[in-house]
Amino acid sequence: IVGFDLLSRAVVEFDVGAGAVSMGSSAAAFSREWSPLRLLDRHPVLDGSIESIGGRLRLDTGAGPGLIVNRWVSETAGLLEGRASSPVAGTPFEARLGTVERLRIGPYSVGPVTALFVTGGDGPIAAVFNDRDLLGNVGAEVLGRVRAVFDYRQSRVALLPKS
């Protein structure tokens, strides 16, 4: 797994959909529109929204689902009310599969997006998806639609539509 220890030493461009990574020592090699990047437990976090609910979203280039909605958001924001969804088996937490119409991460907006709505569960993985500091987790299905450039040293990220 390529993680923070390596990524924090370079400017890195991910094309998750193509399975490509390129690295440079300077952001000058990447002329981009940057958004502020925060780290939460050494994971990149961006401001964004799930439909009309604003907050912070974790970017996870190694996660498959486009969006995993944290349990507290699924429960308190009523995101499942009136939404078509079905139970999901085989996850380390209780969840329902559905769709959100619009997801915004930084300046980039996409939709519709397949989402897992966490509804319960115990254990360390379920606890990750009940973090009240985050709306949820953005994974490869969404990140595969963009090129993501991370510059951890300058605390910034660029999400660029593929040309």
C-alpha atoms as a PDB file:
ATOM      1  CA  ILE A   1       0.000   0.000   0.000  1.00  0.00           C
ATOM      2  CA  VAL A   2       1.333   3.408  -0.964  1.00  0.00           C
ATOM      3  CA  GLY A   3       0.557   5.616   1.998  1.00  0.00           C
ATOM      4  CA  PHE A   4       1.264   8.826   3.813  1.00  0.00           C
ATOM      5  CA  ASP A   5       4.940   8.099   4.548  1.00  0.00           C
ATOM      6  CA  LEU A   6       5.775   8.106   0.841  1.00  0.00           C
ATOM      7  CA  LEU A   7       3.138  10.552  -0.379  1.00  0.00           C
ATOM      8  CA  SER A   8       4.130  13.238   2.103  1.00  0.00           C
ATOM      9  CA  ARG A   9       7.567  13.490   0.455  1.00  0.00           C
ATOM     10  CA  ALA A  10       6.449  14.358  -3.082  1.00  0.00           C
ATOM     11  CA  VAL A  11       3.720  15.895  -5.201  1.00  0.00           C
ATOM     12  CA  VAL A  12       1.690  12.930  -6.421  1.00  0.00           C
ATOM     13  CA  GLU A  13      -0.847  12.648  -9.216  1.00  0.00           C
ATOM     14  CA  PHE A  14      -3.277   9.706  -9.072  1.00  0.00           C
ATOM     15  CA  ASP A  15      -5.357   8.549 -11.976  1.00  0.00           C
ATOM     16  CA  VAL A  16      -7.262   5.885 -10.060  1.00  0.00           C
ATOM     17  CA  GLY A  17      -9.337   4.872 -13.085  1.00  0.00           C
ATOM     18  CA  ALA A  18      -6.214   4.204 -15.179  1.00  0.00           C
ATOM     19  CA  GLY A  19      -4.262   2.731 -12.261  1.00  0.00           C
ATOM     20  CA  ALA A  20      -1.492   5.296 -12.785  1.00  0.00           C
ATOM     21  CA  VAL A  21       0.588   7.302 -10.325  1.00  0.00           C
ATOM     22  CA  SER A  22       3.183   9.950 -11.139  1.00  0.00           C
ATOM     23  CA  MET A  23       5.394  11.738  -8.647  1.00  0.00           C
ATOM     24  CA  GLY A  24       7.427  14.926  -8.693  1.00  0.00           C
ATOM     25  CA  SER A  25       9.497  16.809  -6.182  1.00  0.00           C
ATOM     26  CA  SER A  26       7.892  20.161  -6.930  1.00  0.00           C
ATOM     27  CA  ALA A  27       4.342  21.392  -7.437  1.00  0.00           C
ATOM     28  CA  ALA A  28       5.670  23.481 -10.330  1.00  0.00           C
ATOM     29  CA  ALA A  29       5.473  20.297 -12.405  1.00  0.00           C
ATOM     30  CA  PHE A  30       1.715  20.309 -11.788  1.00  0.00           C
ATOM     31  CA  SER A  31       0.033  23.553 -12.830  1.00  0.00           C
ATOM     32  CA  ARG A  32      -3.283  23.150 -10.999  1.00  0.00           C
ATOM     33  CA  GLU A  33      -6.159  24.817  -9.225  1.00  0.00           C
ATOM     34  CA  TRP A  34      -5.559  23.899  -5.603  1.00  0.00           C
ATOM     35  CA  SER A  35      -7.998  23.326  -2.736  1.00  0.00           C
ATOM     36  CA  PRO A  36      -6.995  23.287   0.946  1.00  0.00           C
ATOM     37  CA  LEU A  37      -6.208  19.806   2.206  1.00  0.00           C
ATOM     38  CA  ARG A  38      -6.522  18.686   5.807  1.00  0.00           C
ATOM     39  CA  LEU A  39      -5.243  15.487   7.324  1.00  0.00           C
ATOM     40  CA  LEU A  40      -7.249  13.415   9.769  1.00  0.00           C
ATOM     41  CA  ASP A  41      -5.280  10.460  11.121  1.00  0.00           C
ATOM     42  CA  ARG A  42      -2.930  10.867   8.136  1.00  0.00           C
ATOM     43  CA  HIS A  43      -5.799  10.586   5.628  1.00  0.00           C
ATOM     44  CA  PRO A  44      -6.641  13.433   3.216  1.00  0.00           C
ATOM     45  CA  VAL A  45      -9.859  15.287   3.976  1.00  0.00           C
ATOM     46  CA  LEU A  46     -11.631  17.929   1.869  1.00  0.00           C
ATOM     47  CA  ASP A  47     -14.648  20.138   2.450  1.00  0.00           C
ATOM     48  CA  GLY A  48     -17.632  19.022   0.444  1.00  0.00           C
ATOM     49  CA  SER A  49     -21.261  17.987   0.559  1.00  0.00           C
ATOM     50  CA  ILE A  50     -23.555  15.050   0.088  1.00  0.00           C
ATOM     51  CA  GLU A  51     -26.547  16.576  -1.645  1.00  0.00           C
ATOM     52  CA  SER A  52     -27.361  19.578   0.618  1.00  0.00           C
ATOM     53  CA  ILE A  53     -25.444  18.384   3.696  1.00  0.00           C
ATOM     54  CA  GLY A  54     -22.077  20.122   4.047  1.00  0.00           C
ATOM     55  CA  GLY A  55     -19.039  18.876   5.923  1.00  0.00           C
ATOM     56  CA  ARG A  56     -15.750  17.081   5.411  1.00  0.00           C
ATOM     57  CA  LEU A  57     -15.082  13.981   3.334  1.00  0.00           C
ATOM     58  CA  ARG A  58     -12.146  11.541   3.547  1.00  0.00           C
ATOM     59  CA  LEU A  59     -10.467  10.716   0.232  1.00  0.00           C
ATOM     60  CA  ASP A  60      -9.474   7.060   0.003  1.00  0.00           C
ATOM     61  CA  THR A  61      -7.828   6.031  -3.281  1.00  0.00           C
ATOM     62  CA  GLY A  62      -7.820   2.394  -2.150  1.00  0.00           C
ATOM     63  CA  ALA A  63     -11.527   2.072  -1.311  1.00  0.00           C
ATOM     64  CA  GLY A  64     -13.810   0.666  -4.002  1.00  0.00           C
ATOM     65  CA  PRO A  65     -17.215   2.223  -3.304  1.00  0.00           C
ATOM     66  CA  GLY A  66     -17.814   5.709  -4.683  1.00  0.00           C
ATOM     67  CA  LEU A  67     -19.199   6.924  -1.377  1.00  0.00           C
ATOM     68  CA  ILE A  68     -19.629   5.445   2.076  1.00  0.00           C
ATOM     69  CA  VAL A  69     -21.944   7.668   4.101  1.00  0.00           C
ATOM     70  CA  ASN A  70     -21.064   7.683   7.793  1.00  0.00           C
ATOM     71  CA  ARG A  71     -23.671   6.215  10.145  1.00  0.00           C
ATOM     72  CA  TRP A  72     -24.450   9.426  12.002  1.00  0.00           C
ATOM     73  CA  VAL A  73     -25.182  11.193   8.683  1.00  0.00           C
ATOM     74  CA  SER A  74     -27.387   8.346   7.433  1.00  0.00           C
ATOM     75  CA  GLU A  75     -29.347   8.433  10.701  1.00  0.00           C
ATOM     76  CA  THR A  76     -29.566  12.102  11.673  1.00  0.00           C
ATOM     77  CA  ALA A  77     -29.792  13.732   8.248  1.00  0.00           C
ATOM     78  CA  GLY A  78     -32.526  11.388   7.080  1.00  0.00           C
ATOM     79  CA  LEU A  79     -30.692  10.520   3.876  1.00  0.00           C
ATOM     80  CA  LEU A  80     -32.419   7.150   3.624  1.00  0.00           C
ATOM     81  CA  GLU A  81     -35.955   8.495   4.055  1.00  0.00           C
ATOM     82  CA  GLY A  82     -37.856   8.131   0.791  1.00  0.00           C
ATOM     83  CA  ARG A  83     -34.756   6.888  -1.036  1.00  0.00           C
ATOM     84  CA  ALA A  84     -34.656   3.548  -2.843  1.00  0.00           C
ATOM     85  CA  SER A  85     -32.092   1.337  -1.118  1.00  0.00           C
ATOM     86  CA  SER A  86     -31.397  -2.300  -0.426  1.00  0.00           C
ATOM     87  CA  PRO A  87     -29.543  -4.152   2.343  1.00  0.00           C
ATOM     88  CA  VAL A  88     -25.906  -5.051   1.686  1.00  0.00           C
ATOM     89  CA  ALA A  89     -24.272  -8.284   2.833  1.00  0.00           C
ATOM     90  CA  GLY A  90     -20.570  -8.988   3.215  1.00  0.00           C
ATOM     91  CA  THR A  91     -19.445  -5.685   4.720  1.00  0.00           C
ATOM     92  CA  PRO A  92     -17.886  -5.287   8.189  1.00  0.00           C
ATOM     93  CA  PHE A  93     -20.834  -3.034   9.116  1.00  0.00           C
ATOM     94  CA  GLU A  94     -24.572  -2.876   8.476  1.00  0.00           C
ATOM     95  CA  ALA A  95     -25.355  -0.868   5.356  1.00  0.00           C
ATOM     96  CA  ARG A  96     -27.856  -0.129   2.627  1.00  0.00           C
ATOM     97  CA  LEU A  97     -26.992   0.460  -1.017  1.00  0.00           C
ATOM     98  CA  GLY A  98     -28.501   3.472  -2.745  1.00  0.00           C
ATOM     99  CA  THR A  99     -27.681   6.527  -4.829  1.00  0.00           C
ATOM    100  CA  VAL A 100     -27.013  10.169  -4.011  1.00  0.00           C
ATOM    101  CA  GLU A 101     -27.884  12.689  -6.696  1.00  0.00           C
ATOM    102  CA  ARG A 102     -24.966  15.071  -6.082  1.00  0.00           C
ATOM    103  CA  LEU A 103     -21.607  14.790  -4.313  1.00  0.00           C
ATOM    104  CA  ARG A 104     -19.219  17.738  -4.029  1.00  0.00           C
ATOM    105  CA  ILE A 105     -15.583  17.350  -2.997  1.00  0.00           C
ATOM    106  CA  GLY A 106     -13.718  20.645  -3.021  1.00  0.00           C
ATOM    107  CA  PRO A 107     -14.675  22.418  -6.246  1.00  0.00           C
ATOM    108  CA  TYR A 108     -15.522  19.158  -8.055  1.00  0.00           C
ATOM    109  CA  SER A 109     -19.139  18.021  -8.269  1.00  0.00           C
ATOM    110  CA  VAL A 110     -20.394  14.681  -9.561  1.00  0.00           C
ATOM    111  CA  GLY A 111     -23.610  12.719  -9.619  1.00  0.00           C
ATOM    112  CA  PRO A 112     -25.377  10.458  -9.422  1.00  0.00           C
ATOM    113  CA  VAL A 113     -23.086   8.384  -7.188  1.00  0.00           C
ATOM    114  CA  THR A 114     -23.611   4.864  -5.843  1.00  0.00           C
ATOM    115  CA  ALA A 115     -23.417   5.004  -2.049  1.00  0.00           C
ATOM    116  CA  LEU A 116     -23.255   2.668   0.917  1.00  0.00           C
ATOM    117  CA  PHE A 117     -25.252   4.155   3.793  1.00  0.00           C
ATOM    118  CA  VAL A 118     -23.839   2.801   7.065  1.00  0.00           C
ATOM    119  CA  THR A 119     -26.701   1.951   9.441  1.00  0.00           C
ATOM    120  CA  GLY A 120     -25.027  -0.050  12.215  1.00  0.00           C
ATOM    121  CA  GLY A 121     -22.375  -2.467  13.282  1.00  0.00           C
ATOM    122  CA  ASP A 122     -19.715  -2.988  15.914  1.00  0.00           C
ATOM    123  CA  GLY A 123     -15.962  -3.269  15.792  1.00  0.00           C
ATOM    124  CA  PRO A 124     -13.101  -1.096  14.594  1.00  0.00           C
ATOM    125  CA  ILE A 125     -14.124  -0.794  10.928  1.00  0.00           C
ATOM    126  CA  ALA A 126     -17.718   0.079  11.794  1.00  0.00           C
ATOM    127  CA  ALA A 127     -16.347   2.706  14.208  1.00  0.00           C
ATOM    128  CA  VAL A 128     -14.415   4.370  11.365  1.00  0.00           C
ATOM    129  CA  PHE A 129     -17.721   4.992   9.601  1.00  0.00           C
ATOM    130  CA  ASN A 130     -19.336   6.555  12.652  1.00  0.00           C
ATOM    131  CA  ASP A 131     -16.786   9.371  12.922  1.00  0.00           C
ATOM    132  CA  ARG A 132     -18.784  12.527  13.615  1.00  0.00           C
ATOM    133  CA  ASP A 133     -15.999  14.711  12.165  1.00  0.00           C
ATOM    134  CA  LEU A 134     -16.743  13.390   8.668  1.00  0.00           C
ATOM    135  CA  LEU A 135     -19.704  12.962   6.345  1.00  0.00           C
ATOM    136  CA  GLY A 136     -18.146   9.881   4.817  1.00  0.00           C
ATOM    137  CA  ASN A 137     -15.512   8.300   2.621  1.00  0.00           C
ATOM    138  CA  VAL A 138     -14.979   8.990  -1.109  1.00  0.00           C
ATOM    139  CA  GLY A 139     -13.467   6.027  -2.936  1.00  0.00           C
ATOM    140  CA  ALA A 140     -12.277   4.785  -6.293  1.00  0.00           C
ATOM    141  CA  GLU A 141     -15.614   4.868  -8.109  1.00  0.00           C
ATOM    142  CA  VAL A 142     -15.681   8.674  -7.725  1.00  0.00           C
ATOM    143  CA  LEU A 143     -11.932   9.329  -7.656  1.00  0.00           C
ATOM    144  CA  GLY A 144     -11.631   7.296 -10.855  1.00  0.00           C
ATOM    145  CA  ARG A 145     -13.548  10.078 -12.634  1.00  0.00           C
ATOM    146  CA  VAL A 146     -10.820  12.650 -11.915  1.00  0.00           C
ATOM    147  CA  ARG A 147      -7.074  13.045 -11.703  1.00  0.00           C
ATOM    148  CA  ALA A 148      -6.155  13.813  -8.095  1.00  0.00           C
ATOM    149  CA  VAL A 149      -2.944  15.722  -7.340  1.00  0.00           C
ATOM    150  CA  PHE A 150      -1.812  15.672  -3.703  1.00  0.00           C
ATOM    151  CA  ASP A 151       0.752  18.106  -2.315  1.00  0.00           C
ATOM    152  CA  TYR A 152       0.900  17.169   1.356  1.00  0.00           C
ATOM    153  CA  ARG A 153       3.850  19.475   2.096  1.00  0.00           C
ATOM    154  CA  GLN A 154       1.758  22.495   1.055  1.00  0.00           C
ATOM    155  CA  SER A 155      -1.515  21.055   2.450  1.00  0.00           C
ATOM    156  CA  ARG A 156      -3.370  21.171  -0.851  1.00  0.00           C
ATOM    157  CA  VAL A 157      -5.031  18.969  -3.449  1.00  0.00           C
ATOM    158  CA  ALA A 158      -6.333  19.434  -6.999  1.00  0.00           C
ATOM    159  CA  LEU A 159      -9.167  17.359  -8.429  1.00  0.00           C
ATOM    160  CA  LEU A 160      -9.230  17.650 -12.196  1.00  0.00           C
ATOM    161  CA  PRO A 161     -11.789  16.230 -14.611  1.00  0.00           C
ATOM    162  CA  LYS A 162     -10.192  13.841 -17.057  1.00  0.00           C
ATOM    163  CA  SER A 163      -9.645  15.369 -20.486  1.00  0.00           C
END
